[in-house]
Amino acid sequence: MVPAMAPMRRKLIAGNWKMFKTVAETVAYLHALRGLLSSTRKSDVVVAPPFTAIQAASTAARDSDIGIAGQN
């Protein structure tokens, strides 16, 4: 008997930029990223902006497949 193969795990693409973007730059980046990502991609995408931009990033990523994470 051949063992069943485990399902393929999705790839995760995550990025952070520490304190190198302002809140406005974070929002602009996420709007641009939304336009570049297709809805049929095979990877999960997560962005970890600085703490000061998490709220704005969450709003900018709303209704998209982009996840927002915190960093410490």
C-alpha atoms as a PDB file:
ATOM      1  CA  MET A   1       0.000   0.000   0.000  1.00  0.00           C
ATOM      2  CA  VAL A   2       1.357   3.452  -0.909  1.00  0.00           C
ATOM      3  CA  PRO A   3       1.152   6.000   1.927  1.00  0.00           C
ATOM      4  CA  ALA A   4      -0.983   9.057   1.267  1.00  0.00           C
ATOM      5  CA  MET A   5       0.994  12.177   0.476  1.00  0.00           C
ATOM      6  CA  ALA A   6       0.644  15.119   2.809  1.00  0.00           C
ATOM      7  CA  PRO A   7      -0.848  18.231   1.231  1.00  0.00           C
ATOM      8  CA  MET A   8       1.655  20.806   0.006  1.00  0.00           C
ATOM      9  CA  ARG A   9       2.227  23.661   2.407  1.00  0.00           C
ATOM     10  CA  ARG A  10       1.718  27.169   1.088  1.00  0.00           C
ATOM     11  CA  LYS A  11       4.746  29.390   0.854  1.00  0.00           C
ATOM     12  CA  LEU A  12       4.889  32.429   3.102  1.00  0.00           C
ATOM     13  CA  ILE A  13       6.423  35.672   1.902  1.00  0.00           C
ATOM     14  CA  ALA A  14       6.910  38.135   4.757  1.00  0.00           C
ATOM     15  CA  GLY A  15       8.688  41.445   4.931  1.00  0.00           C
ATOM     16  CA  ASN A  16       9.371  44.188   7.400  1.00  0.00           C
ATOM     17  CA  TRP A  17      11.258  47.433   7.165  1.00  0.00           C
ATOM     18  CA  LYS A  18      11.843  48.312  10.806  1.00  0.00           C
ATOM     19  CA  MET A  19      11.527  52.099  11.119  1.00  0.00           C
ATOM     20  CA  PHE A  20      12.411  52.991   7.523  1.00  0.00           C
ATOM     21  CA  LYS A  21       8.929  54.043   6.362  1.00  0.00           C
ATOM     22  CA  THR A  22       6.576  56.697   7.645  1.00  0.00           C
ATOM     23  CA  VAL A  23       2.866  55.978   8.084  1.00  0.00           C
ATOM     24  CA  ALA A  24       2.126  57.647   4.726  1.00  0.00           C
ATOM     25  CA  GLU A  25       4.887  55.638   2.996  1.00  0.00           C
ATOM     26  CA  THR A  26       3.510  52.433   4.529  1.00  0.00           C
ATOM     27  CA  VAL A  27       0.036  53.138   3.171  1.00  0.00           C
ATOM     28  CA  ALA A  28       1.417  53.998  -0.280  1.00  0.00           C
ATOM     29  CA  TYR A  29       3.499  50.795  -0.263  1.00  0.00           C
ATOM     30  CA  LEU A  30       0.488  48.642   0.593  1.00  0.00           C
ATOM     31  CA  HIS A  31      -1.654  50.251  -2.095  1.00  0.00           C
ATOM     32  CA  ALA A  32       1.095  49.539  -4.642  1.00  0.00           C
ATOM     33  CA  LEU A  33       1.544  45.974  -3.351  1.00  0.00           C
ATOM     34  CA  ARG A  34      -2.176  45.289  -3.643  1.00  0.00           C
ATOM     35  CA  GLY A  35      -1.992  46.226  -7.297  1.00  0.00           C
ATOM     36  CA  LEU A  36       0.921  43.862  -7.917  1.00  0.00           C
ATOM     37  CA  LEU A  37      -0.550  40.756  -6.291  1.00  0.00           C
ATOM     38  CA  SER A  38      -2.915  38.553  -8.200  1.00  0.00           C
ATOM     39  CA  SER A  39      -5.794  36.803  -6.508  1.00  0.00           C
ATOM     40  CA  THR A  40      -4.563  33.419  -7.744  1.00  0.00           C
ATOM     41  CA  ARG A  41      -1.110  33.393  -6.201  1.00  0.00           C
ATOM     42  CA  LYS A  42       0.220  30.324  -4.414  1.00  0.00           C
ATOM     43  CA  SER A  43       1.822  32.113  -1.461  1.00  0.00           C
ATOM     44  CA  ASP A  44       0.608  33.951   1.596  1.00  0.00           C
ATOM     45  CA  VAL A  45       1.906  37.524   1.897  1.00  0.00           C
ATOM     46  CA  VAL A  46       2.478  39.246   5.247  1.00  0.00           C
ATOM     47  CA  VAL A  47       3.866  42.715   5.911  1.00  0.00           C
ATOM     48  CA  ALA A  48       5.166  43.772   9.338  1.00  0.00           C
ATOM     49  CA  PRO A  49       5.311  47.569   9.449  1.00  0.00           C
ATOM     50  CA  PRO A  50       6.623  49.534  12.430  1.00  0.00           C
ATOM     51  CA  PHE A  51       4.293  49.741  15.428  1.00  0.00           C
ATOM     52  CA  THR A  52       3.458  53.349  14.567  1.00  0.00           C
ATOM     53  CA  ALA A  53       2.004  52.267  11.204  1.00  0.00           C
ATOM     54  CA  ILE A  54       0.101  49.079  12.132  1.00  0.00           C
ATOM     55  CA  GLN A  55      -3.313  50.756  12.311  1.00  0.00           C
ATOM     56  CA  ALA A  56      -2.874  52.525   8.955  1.00  0.00           C
ATOM     57  CA  ALA A  57      -1.460  49.361   7.388  1.00  0.00           C
ATOM     58  CA  SER A  58      -4.421  47.320   8.606  1.00  0.00           C
ATOM     59  CA  THR A  59      -6.799  49.821   7.056  1.00  0.00           C
ATOM     60  CA  ALA A  60      -4.835  49.908   3.781  1.00  0.00           C
ATOM     61  CA  ALA A  61      -4.794  46.092   3.589  1.00  0.00           C
ATOM     62  CA  ARG A  62      -8.478  45.655   4.428  1.00  0.00           C
ATOM     63  CA  ASP A  63     -10.374  43.453   1.949  1.00  0.00           C
ATOM     64  CA  SER A  64      -7.132  42.109   0.482  1.00  0.00           C
ATOM     65  CA  ASP A  65      -5.138  38.917   0.953  1.00  0.00           C
ATOM     66  CA  ILE A  66      -2.235  40.784   2.580  1.00  0.00           C
ATOM     67  CA  GLY A  67      -1.700  39.921   6.234  1.00  0.00           C
ATOM     68  CA  ILE A  68      -0.423  42.503   8.715  1.00  0.00           C
ATOM     69  CA  ALA A  69       1.906  41.466  11.540  1.00  0.00           C
ATOM     70  CA  GLY A  70       3.651  43.235  14.387  1.00  0.00           C
ATOM     71  CA  GLN A  71       7.354  43.178  15.079  1.00  0.00           C
ATOM     72  CA  ASN A  72       9.286  43.558  18.293  1.00  0.00           C
END
